[in-house]
PDB file of N, CA and C in Angstrom:
ATOM      1  N   MET A   1    -107.597 -13.560 -80.437  1.00  0.00           N
ATOM      2  CA  MET A   1    -107.442 -12.735 -79.238  1.00  0.00           C
ATOM      3  C   MET A   1    -108.784 -12.576 -78.520  1.00  0.00           C
ATOM      4  N   ASP A   2    -108.747 -12.674 -77.218  1.00  0.00           N
ATOM      5  CA  ASP A   2    -109.966 -12.497 -76.425  1.00  0.00           C
ATOM      6  C   ASP A   2    -110.391 -11.039 -76.400  1.00  0.00           C
ATOM      7  N   LYS A   3    -111.669 -10.841 -76.471  1.00  0.00           N
ATOM      8  CA  LYS A   3    -112.180  -9.479 -76.369  1.00  0.00           C
ATOM      9  C   LYS A   3    -112.182  -9.054 -74.907  1.00  0.00           C
ATOM     10  N   LYS A   4    -111.773  -7.835 -74.654  1.00  0.00           N
ATOM     11  CA  LYS A   4    -111.830  -7.276 -73.300  1.00  0.00           C
ATOM     12  C   LYS A   4    -113.186  -6.615 -73.071  1.00  0.00           C
ATOM     13  N   ARG A   5    -113.770  -6.134 -74.156  1.00  0.00           N
ATOM     14  CA  ARG A   5    -115.056  -5.447 -74.090  1.00  0.00           C
ATOM     15  C   ARG A   5    -115.922  -5.880 -75.258  1.00  0.00           C
ATOM     16  N   ASN A   6    -117.216  -5.813 -75.062  1.00  0.00           N
ATOM     17  CA  ASN A   6    -118.151  -6.070 -76.157  1.00  0.00           C
ATOM     18  C   ASN A   6    -118.824  -4.767 -76.532  1.00  0.00           C
ATOM     19  N   LEU A   7    -118.912  -4.521 -77.824  1.00  0.00           N
ATOM     20  CA  LEU A   7    -119.580  -3.310 -78.291  1.00  0.00           C
ATOM     21  C   LEU A   7    -121.037  -3.629 -78.584  1.00  0.00           C
ATOM     22  N   LEU A   8    -121.891  -2.757 -78.143  1.00  0.00           N
ATOM     23  CA  LEU A   8    -123.313  -2.915 -78.402  1.00  0.00           C
ATOM     24  C   LEU A   8    -123.765  -1.641 -79.117  1.00  0.00           C
ATOM     25  N   PHE A   9    -124.279  -1.813 -80.317  1.00  0.00           N
ATOM     26  CA  PHE A   9    -124.712  -0.660 -81.097  1.00  0.00           C
ATOM     27  C   PHE A   9    -126.194  -0.446 -80.840  1.00  0.00           C
ATOM     28  N   PHE A  10    -126.493   0.621 -80.094  1.00  0.00           N
ATOM     29  CA  PHE A  10    -127.872   0.883 -79.681  1.00  0.00           C
ATOM     30  C   PHE A  10    -128.648   1.544 -80.822  1.00  0.00           C
ATOM     31  N   LYS A  11    -129.783   0.933 -81.171  1.00  0.00           N
ATOM     32  CA  LYS A  11    -130.635   1.396 -82.267  1.00  0.00           C
ATOM     33  C   LYS A  11    -129.781   1.632 -83.509  1.00  0.00           C
ATOM     34  N   ASP A  12    -130.086   2.691 -84.280  1.00  0.00           N
ATOM     35  CA  ASP A  12    -129.296   2.885 -85.500  1.00  0.00           C
ATOM     36  C   ASP A  12    -128.499   4.190 -85.464  1.00  0.00           C
ATOM     37  N   TYR A  13    -128.234   4.678 -84.267  1.00  0.00           N
ATOM     38  CA  TYR A  13    -127.511   5.943 -84.125  1.00  0.00           C
ATOM     39  C   TYR A  13    -126.123   5.888 -84.769  1.00  0.00           C
ATOM     40  N   PHE A  14    -125.375   4.849 -84.432  1.00  0.00           N
ATOM     41  CA  PHE A  14    -124.024   4.726 -84.979  1.00  0.00           C
ATOM     42  C   PHE A  14    -124.076   4.506 -86.489  1.00  0.00           C
ATOM     43  N   GLU A  15    -124.958   3.625 -86.898  1.00  0.00           N
ATOM     44  CA  GLU A  15    -125.099   3.276 -88.318  1.00  0.00           C
ATOM     45  C   GLU A  15    -125.360   4.516 -89.176  1.00  0.00           C
ATOM     46  N   ASN A  16    -126.233   5.399 -88.677  1.00  0.00           N
ATOM     47  CA  ASN A  16    -126.558   6.623 -89.418  1.00  0.00           C
ATOM     48  C   ASN A  16    -125.319   7.494 -89.616  1.00  0.00           C
ATOM     49  N   PHE A  17    -124.479   7.548 -88.608  1.00  0.00           N
ATOM     50  CA  PHE A  17    -123.226   8.305 -88.708  1.00  0.00           C
ATOM     51  C   PHE A  17    -122.265   7.605 -89.680  1.00  0.00           C
ATOM     52  N   TYR A  18    -122.092   6.310 -89.455  1.00  0.00           N
ATOM     53  CA  TYR A  18    -121.099   5.515 -90.196  1.00  0.00           C
ATOM     54  C   TYR A  18    -121.381   5.495 -91.693  1.00  0.00           C
ATOM     55  N   GLU A  19    -122.639   5.320 -92.047  1.00  0.00           N
ATOM     56  CA  GLU A  19    -123.024   5.222 -93.457  1.00  0.00           C
ATOM     57  C   GLU A  19    -122.652   6.465 -94.262  1.00  0.00           C
ATOM     58  N   ASN A  20    -122.571   7.607 -93.599  1.00  0.00           N
ATOM     59  CA  ASN A  20    -122.282   8.864 -94.298  1.00  0.00           C
ATOM     60  C   ASN A  20    -120.798   9.200 -94.391  1.00  0.00           C
ATOM     61  N   GLN A  21    -119.935   8.274 -93.960  1.00  0.00           N
ATOM     62  CA  GLN A  21    -118.502   8.560 -93.965  1.00  0.00           C
ATOM     63  C   GLN A  21    -117.812   8.009 -95.219  1.00  0.00           C
ATOM     64  N   THR A  22    -116.622   8.540 -95.479  1.00  0.00           N
ATOM     65  CA  THR A  22    -115.826   8.034 -96.596  1.00  0.00           C
ATOM     66  C   THR A  22    -115.246   6.668 -96.218  1.00  0.00           C
ATOM     67  N   ASP A  23    -114.760   5.936 -97.206  1.00  0.00           N
ATOM     68  CA  ASP A  23    -114.168   4.619 -96.929  1.00  0.00           C
ATOM     69  C   ASP A  23    -113.004   4.725 -95.952  1.00  0.00           C
ATOM     70  N   LYS A  24    -112.202   5.770 -96.113  1.00  0.00           N
ATOM     71  CA  LYS A  24    -111.054   5.968 -95.232  1.00  0.00           C
ATOM     72  C   LYS A  24    -111.495   6.125 -93.777  1.00  0.00           C
ATOM     73  N   VAL A  25    -112.522   6.937 -93.584  1.00  0.00           N
ATOM     74  CA  VAL A  25    -113.033   7.176 -92.230  1.00  0.00           C
ATOM     75  C   VAL A  25    -113.667   5.901 -91.681  1.00  0.00           C
ATOM     76  N   LYS A  26    -114.389   5.159 -92.531  1.00  0.00           N
ATOM     77  CA  LYS A  26    -114.999   3.892 -92.100  1.00  0.00           C
ATOM     78  C   LYS A  26    -113.927   2.920 -91.633  1.00  0.00           C
ATOM     79  N   LYS A  27    -112.850   2.786 -92.422  1.00  0.00           N
ATOM     80  CA  LYS A  27    -111.757   1.867 -92.062  1.00  0.00           C
ATOM     81  C   LYS A  27    -111.138   2.232 -90.721  1.00  0.00           C
ATOM     82  N   LYS A  28    -110.857   3.517 -90.535  1.00  0.00           N
ATOM     83  CA  LYS A  28    -110.230   3.970 -89.296  1.00  0.00           C
ATOM     84  C   LYS A  28    -111.190   3.787 -88.119  1.00  0.00           C
ATOM     85  N   THR A  29    -112.477   4.003 -88.368  1.00  0.00           N
ATOM     86  CA  THR A  29    -113.474   3.824 -87.316  1.00  0.00           C
ATOM     87  C   THR A  29    -113.510   2.366 -86.866  1.00  0.00           C
ATOM     88  N   ILE A  30    -113.551   1.442 -87.818  1.00  0.00           N
ATOM     89  CA  ILE A  30    -113.573   0.010 -87.502  1.00  0.00           C
ATOM     90  C   ILE A  30    -112.301  -0.378 -86.740  1.00  0.00           C
ATOM     91  N   TRP A  31    -111.169   0.123 -87.208  1.00  0.00           N
ATOM     92  CA  TRP A  31    -109.891  -0.163 -86.544  1.00  0.00           C
ATOM     93  C   TRP A  31    -109.933   0.313 -85.090  1.00  0.00           C
ATOM     94  N   THR A  32    -110.435   1.540 -84.879  1.00  0.00           N
ATOM     95  CA  THR A  32    -110.508   2.115 -83.531  1.00  0.00           C
ATOM     96  C   THR A  32    -111.452   1.304 -82.645  1.00  0.00           C
ATOM     97  N   LEU A  33    -112.575   0.860 -83.197  1.00  0.00           N
ATOM     98  CA  LEU A  33    -113.514   0.044 -82.419  1.00  0.00           C
ATOM     99  C   LEU A  33    -112.862  -1.273 -82.003  1.00  0.00           C
ATOM    100  N   LYS A  34    -112.039  -1.842 -82.887  1.00  0.00           N
ATOM    101  CA  LYS A  34    -111.326  -3.084 -82.553  1.00  0.00           C
ATOM    102  C   LYS A  34    -110.352  -2.865 -81.401  1.00  0.00           C
ATOM    103  N   VAL A  35    -109.656  -1.730 -81.432  1.00  0.00           N
ATOM    104  CA  VAL A  35    -108.727  -1.379 -80.347  1.00  0.00           C
ATOM    105  C   VAL A  35    -109.488  -1.367 -79.014  1.00  0.00           C
ATOM    106  N   ILE A  36    -110.657  -0.737 -79.033  1.00  0.00           N
ATOM    107  CA  ILE A  36    -111.458  -0.636 -77.808  1.00  0.00           C
ATOM    108  C   ILE A  36    -111.920  -2.010 -77.333  1.00  0.00           C
ATOM    109  N   GLU A  37    -112.234  -2.876 -78.268  1.00  0.00           N
ATOM    110  CA  GLU A  37    -112.659  -4.240 -77.898  1.00  0.00           C
ATOM    111  C   GLU A  37    -111.518  -5.070 -77.335  1.00  0.00           C
ATOM    112  N   GLU A  38    -110.318  -4.891 -77.883  1.00  0.00           N
ATOM    113  CA  GLU A  38    -109.247  -5.866 -77.634  1.00  0.00           C
ATOM    114  C   GLU A  38    -108.165  -5.444 -76.654  1.00  0.00           C
ATOM    115  N   ILE A  39    -107.942  -4.156 -76.482  1.00  0.00           N
ATOM    116  CA  ILE A  39    -106.826  -3.724 -75.631  1.00  0.00           C
ATOM    117  C   ILE A  39    -107.287  -3.545 -74.195  1.00  0.00           C
ATOM    118  N   ASP A  40    -106.444  -4.017 -73.270  1.00  0.00           N
ATOM    119  CA  ASP A  40    -106.763  -3.935 -71.859  1.00  0.00           C
ATOM    120  C   ASP A  40    -106.986  -2.498 -71.408  1.00  0.00           C
ATOM    121  N   ARG A  41    -105.973  -1.675 -71.595  1.00  0.00           N
ATOM    122  CA  ARG A  41    -106.075  -0.256 -71.224  1.00  0.00           C
ATOM    123  C   ARG A  41    -106.040   0.572 -72.503  1.00  0.00           C
ATOM    124  N   VAL A  42    -107.184   1.076 -72.889  1.00  0.00           N
ATOM    125  CA  VAL A  42    -107.282   1.821 -74.145  1.00  0.00           C
ATOM    126  C   VAL A  42    -106.693   3.224 -73.942  1.00  0.00           C
ATOM    127  N   PRO A  43    -105.729   3.606 -74.794  1.00  0.00           N
ATOM    128  CA  PRO A  43    -105.149   4.953 -74.669  1.00  0.00           C
ATOM    129  C   PRO A  43    -106.210   6.039 -74.872  1.00  0.00           C
ATOM    130  N   GLU A  44    -106.004   7.162 -74.178  1.00  0.00           N
ATOM    131  CA  GLU A  44    -106.967   8.256 -74.237  1.00  0.00           C
ATOM    132  C   GLU A  44    -107.124   8.850 -75.635  1.00  0.00           C
ATOM    133  N   ILE A  45    -106.149   8.631 -76.500  1.00  0.00           N
ATOM    134  CA  ILE A  45    -106.319   9.172 -77.856  1.00  0.00           C
ATOM    135  C   ILE A  45    -107.428   8.434 -78.607  1.00  0.00           C
ATOM    136  N   TYR A  46    -107.843   7.277 -78.108  1.00  0.00           N
ATOM    137  CA  TYR A  46    -108.917   6.520 -78.762  1.00  0.00           C
ATOM    138  C   TYR A  46    -110.216   6.506 -77.971  1.00  0.00           C
ATOM    139  N   LEU A  47    -110.114   6.605 -76.650  1.00  0.00           N
ATOM    140  CA  LEU A  47    -111.312   6.540 -75.805  1.00  0.00           C
ATOM    141  C   LEU A  47    -111.096   7.445 -74.609  1.00  0.00           C
ATOM    142  N   LYS A  48    -111.940   8.448 -74.496  1.00  0.00           N
ATOM    143  CA  LYS A  48    -111.735   9.424 -73.428  1.00  0.00           C
ATOM    144  C   LYS A  48    -113.027   9.703 -72.693  1.00  0.00           C
ATOM    145  N   HIS A  49    -112.916   9.742 -71.351  1.00  0.00           N
ATOM    146  CA  HIS A  49    -114.073  10.100 -70.526  1.00  0.00           C
ATOM    147  C   HIS A  49    -114.356  11.587 -70.695  1.00  0.00           C
ATOM    148  N   LEU A  50    -115.625  11.933 -70.849  1.00  0.00           N
ATOM    149  CA  LEU A  50    -115.996  13.343 -70.970  1.00  0.00           C
ATOM    150  C   LEU A  50    -116.282  13.919 -69.587  1.00  0.00           C
ATOM    151  N   LYS A  51    -115.540  14.936 -69.229  1.00  0.00           N
ATOM    152  CA  LYS A  51    -115.740  15.584 -67.930  1.00  0.00           C
ATOM    153  C   LYS A  51    -117.140  16.182 -67.857  1.00  0.00           C
ATOM    154  N   ASN A  52    -117.649  16.264 -66.637  1.00  0.00           N
ATOM    155  CA  ASN A  52    -118.964  16.866 -66.381  1.00  0.00           C
ATOM    156  C   ASN A  52    -120.113  16.169 -67.106  1.00  0.00           C
ATOM    157  N   THR A  53    -119.986  14.859 -67.297  1.00  0.00           N
ATOM    158  CA  THR A  53    -121.099  14.089 -67.853  1.00  0.00           C
ATOM    159  C   THR A  53    -121.355  12.914 -66.919  1.00  0.00           C
ATOM    160  N   THR A  54    -122.459  12.216 -67.141  1.00  0.00           N
ATOM    161  CA  THR A  54    -122.781  11.057 -66.313  1.00  0.00           C
ATOM    162  C   THR A  54    -122.186   9.806 -66.942  1.00  0.00           C
ATOM    163  N   GLY A  55    -120.873   9.747 -66.976  1.00  0.00           N
ATOM    164  CA  GLY A  55    -120.220   8.536 -67.482  1.00  0.00           C
ATOM    165  C   GLY A  55    -120.201   8.407 -68.987  1.00  0.00           C
ATOM    166  N   LEU A  56    -120.228   9.517 -69.697  1.00  0.00           N
ATOM    167  CA  LEU A  56    -120.114   9.448 -71.157  1.00  0.00           C
ATOM    168  C   LEU A  56    -118.641   9.426 -71.556  1.00  0.00           C
ATOM    169  N   TYR A  57    -118.389   8.681 -72.619  1.00  0.00           N
ATOM    170  CA  TYR A  57    -117.049   8.622 -73.197  1.00  0.00           C
ATOM    171  C   TYR A  57    -117.157   8.999 -74.662  1.00  0.00           C
ATOM    172  N   GLU A  58    -116.029   9.412 -75.235  1.00  0.00           N
ATOM    173  CA  GLU A  58    -116.027   9.608 -76.676  1.00  0.00           C
ATOM    174  C   GLU A  58    -114.967   8.718 -77.289  1.00  0.00           C
ATOM    175  N   ILE A  59    -115.380   8.040 -78.350  1.00  0.00           N
ATOM    176  CA  ILE A  59    -114.453   7.254 -79.159  1.00  0.00           C
ATOM    177  C   ILE A  59    -113.893   8.254 -80.158  1.00  0.00           C
ATOM    178  N   ARG A  60    -112.567   8.307 -80.247  1.00  0.00           N
ATOM    179  CA  ARG A  60    -111.931   9.355 -81.032  1.00  0.00           C
ATOM    180  C   ARG A  60    -111.304   8.779 -82.290  1.00  0.00           C
ATOM    181  N   VAL A  61    -111.736   9.303 -83.420  1.00  0.00           N
ATOM    182  CA  VAL A  61    -111.242   8.837 -84.715  1.00  0.00           C
ATOM    183  C   VAL A  61    -110.676  10.048 -85.444  1.00  0.00           C
ATOM    184  N   GLN A  62    -109.432   9.921 -85.892  1.00  0.00           N
ATOM    185  CA  GLN A  62    -108.853  11.009 -86.659  1.00  0.00           C
ATOM    186  C   GLN A  62    -108.330  10.482 -87.983  1.00  0.00           C
ATOM    187  N   VAL A  63    -108.720  11.152 -89.065  1.00  0.00           N
ATOM    188  CA  VAL A  63    -108.268  10.801 -90.407  1.00  0.00           C
ATOM    189  C   VAL A  63    -107.755  12.089 -91.027  1.00  0.00           C
ATOM    190  N   GLY A  64    -106.443  12.187 -91.174  1.00  0.00           N
ATOM    191  CA  GLY A  64    -105.860  13.433 -91.650  1.00  0.00           C
ATOM    192  C   GLY A  64    -106.191  14.528 -90.667  1.00  0.00           C
ATOM    193  N   SER A  65    -106.720  15.647 -91.175  1.00  0.00           N
ATOM    194  CA  SER A  65    -107.066  16.736 -90.262  1.00  0.00           C
ATOM    195  C   SER A  65    -108.524  16.658 -89.826  1.00  0.00           C
ATOM    196  N   ASN A  66    -109.230  15.619 -90.266  1.00  0.00           N
ATOM    197  CA  ASN A  66    -110.633  15.451 -89.868  1.00  0.00           C
ATOM    198  C   ASN A  66    -110.739  14.663 -88.575  1.00  0.00           C
ATOM    199  N   ILE A  67    -111.520  15.192 -87.661  1.00  0.00           N
ATOM    200  CA  ILE A  67    -111.679  14.557 -86.355  1.00  0.00           C
ATOM    201  C   ILE A  67    -113.146  14.173 -86.179  1.00  0.00           C
ATOM    202  N   PHE A  68    -113.349  12.939 -85.739  1.00  0.00           N
ATOM    203  CA  PHE A  68    -114.705  12.433 -85.524  1.00  0.00           C
ATOM    204  C   PHE A  68    -114.819  11.955 -84.091  1.00  0.00           C
ATOM    205  N   ARG A  69    -116.003  12.085 -83.537  1.00  0.00           N
ATOM    206  CA  ARG A  69    -116.266  11.600 -82.190  1.00  0.00           C
ATOM    207  C   ARG A  69    -117.515  10.734 -82.221  1.00  0.00           C
ATOM    208  N   ILE A  70    -117.440   9.621 -81.504  1.00  0.00           N
ATOM    209  CA  ILE A  70    -118.595   8.735 -81.376  1.00  0.00           C
ATOM    210  C   ILE A  70    -118.832   8.574 -79.879  1.00  0.00           C
ATOM    211  N   PHE A  71    -120.022   8.904 -79.435  1.00  0.00           N
ATOM    212  CA  PHE A  71    -120.309   8.821 -78.007  1.00  0.00           C
ATOM    213  C   PHE A  71    -120.600   7.386 -77.591  1.00  0.00           C
ATOM    214  N   CYS A  72    -120.200   7.061 -76.374  1.00  0.00           N
ATOM    215  CA  CYS A  72    -120.500   5.735 -75.837  1.00  0.00           C
ATOM    216  C   CYS A  72    -120.506   5.810 -74.315  1.00  0.00           C
ATOM    217  N   PHE A  73    -120.933   4.734 -73.695  1.00  0.00           N
ATOM    218  CA  PHE A  73    -120.907   4.618 -72.237  1.00  0.00           C
ATOM    219  C   PHE A  73    -120.857   3.137 -71.908  1.00  0.00           C
ATOM    220  N   PHE A  74    -120.519   2.851 -70.668  1.00  0.00           N
ATOM    221  CA  PHE A  74    -120.396   1.450 -70.254  1.00  0.00           C
ATOM    222  C   PHE A  74    -121.673   0.957 -69.607  1.00  0.00           C
ATOM    223  N   ASP A  75    -122.008  -0.299 -69.907  1.00  0.00           N
ATOM    224  CA  ASP A  75    -123.091  -0.974 -69.210  1.00  0.00           C
ATOM    225  C   ASP A  75    -122.449  -2.238 -68.655  1.00  0.00           C
ATOM    226  N   LEU A  76    -122.698  -2.539 -67.418  1.00  0.00           N
ATOM    227  CA  LEU A  76    -121.981  -3.625 -66.752  1.00  0.00           C
ATOM    228  C   LEU A  76    -120.497  -3.304 -66.848  1.00  0.00           C
ATOM    229  N   ASP A  77    -119.635  -4.292 -66.783  1.00  0.00           N
ATOM    230  CA  ASP A  77    -118.209  -3.977 -66.774  1.00  0.00           C
ATOM    231  C   ASP A  77    -117.614  -3.853 -68.150  1.00  0.00           C
ATOM    232  N   ASN A  78    -118.071  -4.727 -69.040  1.00  0.00           N
ATOM    233  CA  ASN A  78    -117.326  -4.832 -70.290  1.00  0.00           C
ATOM    234  C   ASN A  78    -118.187  -4.622 -71.532  1.00  0.00           C
ATOM    235  N   VAL A  79    -119.354  -4.006 -71.331  1.00  0.00           N
ATOM    236  CA  VAL A  79    -120.194  -3.719 -72.482  1.00  0.00           C
ATOM    237  C   VAL A  79    -120.111  -2.220 -72.765  1.00  0.00           C
ATOM    238  N   VAL A  80    -119.672  -1.899 -73.977  1.00  0.00           N
ATOM    239  CA  VAL A  80    -119.615  -0.497 -74.384  1.00  0.00           C
ATOM    240  C   VAL A  80    -120.806  -0.248 -75.302  1.00  0.00           C
ATOM    241  N   VAL A  81    -121.706   0.621 -74.860  1.00  0.00           N
ATOM    242  CA  VAL A  81    -122.885   0.941 -75.652  1.00  0.00           C
ATOM    243  C   VAL A  81    -122.523   2.132 -76.541  1.00  0.00           C
ATOM    244  N   VAL A  82    -122.591   1.909 -77.850  1.00  0.00           N
ATOM    245  CA  VAL A  82    -122.170   2.910 -78.818  1.00  0.00           C
ATOM    246  C   VAL A  82    -123.386   3.685 -79.319  1.00  0.00           C
ATOM    247  N   GLY A  83    -123.294   5.009 -79.228  1.00  0.00           N
ATOM    248  CA  GLY A  83    -124.389   5.876 -79.665  1.00  0.00           C
ATOM    249  C   GLY A  83    -124.051   6.582 -80.965  1.00  0.00           C
ATOM    250  N   HIS A  84    -124.362   7.864 -81.041  1.00  0.00           N
ATOM    251  CA  HIS A  84    -124.194   8.619 -82.286  1.00  0.00           C
ATOM    252  C   HIS A  84    -122.788   9.200 -82.415  1.00  0.00           C
ATOM    253  N   GLY A  85    -122.454   9.544 -83.643  1.00  0.00           N
ATOM    254  CA  GLY A  85    -121.167  10.168 -83.911  1.00  0.00           C
ATOM    255  C   GLY A  85    -121.356  11.455 -84.686  1.00  0.00           C
ATOM    256  N   PHE A  86    -120.295  12.251 -84.727  1.00  0.00           N
ATOM    257  CA  PHE A  86    -120.340  13.494 -85.505  1.00  0.00           C
ATOM    258  C   PHE A  86    -118.914  13.901 -85.855  1.00  0.00           C
ATOM    259  N   GLN A  87    -118.796  14.801 -86.814  1.00  0.00           N
ATOM    260  CA  GLN A  87    -117.483  15.332 -87.157  1.00  0.00           C
ATOM    261  C   GLN A  87    -117.238  16.563 -86.303  1.00  0.00           C
ATOM    262  N   LYS A  88    -116.086  16.566 -85.660  1.00  0.00           N
ATOM    263  CA  LYS A  88    -115.756  17.654 -84.745  1.00  0.00           C
ATOM    264  C   LYS A  88    -115.123  18.799 -85.521  1.00  0.00           C
ATOM    265  N   LYS A  89    -115.664  19.993 -85.341  1.00  0.00           N
ATOM    266  CA  LYS A  89    -115.177  21.153 -86.091  1.00  0.00           C
ATOM    267  C   LYS A  89    -114.513  22.189 -85.182  1.00  0.00           C
ATOM    268  N   SER A  90    -114.653  22.026 -83.870  1.00  0.00           N
ATOM    269  CA  SER A  90    -114.096  23.012 -82.943  1.00  0.00           C
ATOM    270  C   SER A  90    -113.395  22.295 -81.795  1.00  0.00           C
ATOM    271  N   GLN A  91    -112.654  23.068 -80.996  1.00  0.00           N
ATOM    272  CA  GLN A  91    -111.927  22.495 -79.857  1.00  0.00           C
ATOM    273  C   GLN A  91    -112.861  21.768 -78.901  1.00  0.00           C
ATOM    274  N   LYS A  92    -113.918  22.462 -78.522  1.00  0.00           N
ATOM    275  CA  LYS A  92    -114.846  21.894 -77.542  1.00  0.00           C
ATOM    276  C   LYS A  92    -115.914  21.050 -78.224  1.00  0.00           C
ATOM    277  N   THR A  93    -116.298  19.977 -77.546  1.00  0.00           N
ATOM    278  CA  THR A  93    -117.411  19.172 -78.047  1.00  0.00           C
ATOM    279  C   THR A  93    -118.688  19.995 -77.867  1.00  0.00           C
ATOM    280  N   PRO A  94    -119.439  20.213 -78.953  1.00  0.00           N
ATOM    281  CA  PRO A  94    -120.660  21.037 -78.844  1.00  0.00           C
ATOM    282  C   PRO A  94    -121.638  20.500 -77.803  1.00  0.00           C
ATOM    283  N   LYS A  95    -122.184  21.430 -77.041  1.00  0.00           N
ATOM    284  CA  LYS A  95    -123.099  21.100 -75.955  1.00  0.00           C
ATOM    285  C   LYS A  95    -124.284  20.258 -76.446  1.00  0.00           C
ATOM    286  N   GLN A  96    -124.832  20.614 -77.619  1.00  0.00           N
ATOM    287  CA  GLN A  96    -126.012  19.865 -78.086  1.00  0.00           C
ATOM    288  C   GLN A  96    -125.660  18.420 -78.415  1.00  0.00           C
ATOM    289  N   GLN A  97    -124.408  18.157 -78.807  1.00  0.00           N
ATOM    290  CA  GLN A  97    -123.990  16.779 -79.072  1.00  0.00           C
ATOM    291  C   GLN A  97    -123.943  15.994 -77.758  1.00  0.00           C
ATOM    292  N   ILE A  98    -123.435  16.620 -76.704  1.00  0.00           N
ATOM    293  CA  ILE A  98    -123.365  15.964 -75.392  1.00  0.00           C
ATOM    294  C   ILE A  98    -124.779  15.717 -74.871  1.00  0.00           C
ATOM    295  N   GLU A  99    -125.647  16.712 -75.035  1.00  0.00           N
ATOM    296  CA  GLU A  99    -127.042  16.547 -74.584  1.00  0.00           C
ATOM    297  C   GLU A  99    -127.717  15.396 -75.326  1.00  0.00           C
ATOM    298  N   ARG A 100    -127.442  15.293 -76.612  1.00  0.00           N
ATOM    299  CA  ARG A 100    -128.020  14.202 -77.400  1.00  0.00           C
ATOM    300  C   ARG A 100    -127.503  12.855 -76.894  1.00  0.00           C
ATOM    301  N   ALA A 101    -126.206  12.799 -76.586  1.00  0.00           N
ATOM    302  CA  ALA A 101    -125.616  11.559 -76.071  1.00  0.00           C
ATOM    303  C   ALA A 101    -126.237  11.177 -74.727  1.00  0.00           C
ATOM    304  N   GLU A 102    -126.461  12.169 -73.869  1.00  0.00           N
ATOM    305  CA  GLU A 102    -127.104  11.907 -72.566  1.00  0.00           C
ATOM    306  C   GLU A 102    -128.521  11.371 -72.787  1.00  0.00           C
ATOM    307  N   GLN A 103    -129.206  11.920 -73.771  1.00  0.00           N
ATOM    308  CA  GLN A 103    -130.566  11.496 -74.090  1.00  0.00           C
ATOM    309  C   GLN A 103    -130.581  10.042 -74.580  1.00  0.00           C
ATOM    310  N   ILE A 104    -129.619   9.708 -75.441  1.00  0.00           N
ATOM    311  CA  ILE A 104    -129.522   8.340 -75.970  1.00  0.00           C
ATOM    312  C   ILE A 104    -129.230   7.359 -74.832  1.00  0.00           C
ATOM    313  N   LYS A 105    -128.372   7.780 -73.922  1.00  0.00           N
ATOM    314  CA  LYS A 105    -128.038   6.931 -72.766  1.00  0.00           C
ATOM    315  C   LYS A 105    -129.283   6.668 -71.916  1.00  0.00           C
ATOM    316  N   LYS A 106    -130.041   7.724 -71.671  1.00  0.00           N
ATOM    317  CA  LYS A 106    -131.272   7.616 -70.892  1.00  0.00           C
ATOM    318  C   LYS A 106    -132.244   6.654 -71.591  1.00  0.00           C
ATOM    319  N   GLU A 107    -132.379   6.826 -72.900  1.00  0.00           N
ATOM    320  CA  GLU A 107    -133.260   5.980 -73.715  1.00  0.00           C
ATOM    321  C   GLU A 107    -132.839   4.513 -73.626  1.00  0.00           C
ATOM    322  N   TYR A 108    -131.533   4.302 -73.656  1.00  0.00           N
ATOM    323  CA  TYR A 108    -130.997   2.935 -73.578  1.00  0.00           C
ATOM    324  C   TYR A 108    -131.419   2.270 -72.254  1.00  0.00           C
ATOM    325  N   TYR A 109    -131.192   2.975 -71.146  1.00  0.00           N
ATOM    326  CA  TYR A 109    -131.532   2.382 -69.846  1.00  0.00           C
ATOM    327  C   TYR A 109    -133.034   2.196 -69.680  1.00  0.00           C
ATOM    328  N   GLU A 110    -133.823   3.117 -70.242  1.00  0.00           N
ATOM    329  CA  GLU A 110    -135.276   2.946 -70.160  1.00  0.00           C
ATOM    330  C   GLU A 110    -135.730   1.742 -70.978  1.00  0.00           C
ATOM    331  N   SER A 111    -135.054   1.501 -72.099  1.00  0.00           N
ATOM    332  CA  SER A 111    -135.435   0.366 -72.948  1.00  0.00           C
ATOM    333  C   SER A 111    -135.071  -0.984 -72.313  1.00  0.00           C
ATOM    334  N   LYS A 112    -134.160  -0.953 -71.345  1.00  0.00           N
ATOM    335  CA  LYS A 112    -133.741  -2.197 -70.676  1.00  0.00           C
ATOM    336  C   LYS A 112    -134.714  -2.642 -69.593  1.00  0.00           C
ATOM    337  N   ARG A 113    -135.523  -1.705 -69.118  1.00  0.00           N
ATOM    338  CA  ARG A 113    -136.428  -2.017 -68.005  1.00  0.00           C
ATOM    339  C   ARG A 113    -137.491  -3.029 -68.391  1.00  0.00           C
TER     340      ARG A 113
END
């Protein structure tokens, strides 16, 4: 199957999150990333734009009652730059997590110059 999007893992932000997860969470995370790569229109339950941000999205992984979010954003049309992830404990995404994602995005674009 042709990829619709390419994932780019910026620095080791994602890796640091991923390494600390259980096998079940790792499997579901990989599965979700494949969905994002391969499906034309990714359902919002897997990839959602974050309101009031500069183009940040969250990759959504749920395993049982545990919810995980991995921040990402688009570069060019089909490159998804994957940043850090965290386990979500409340309804709202914590402000400091969004600020960190914005910082990583800024760092990414500065590193491209």
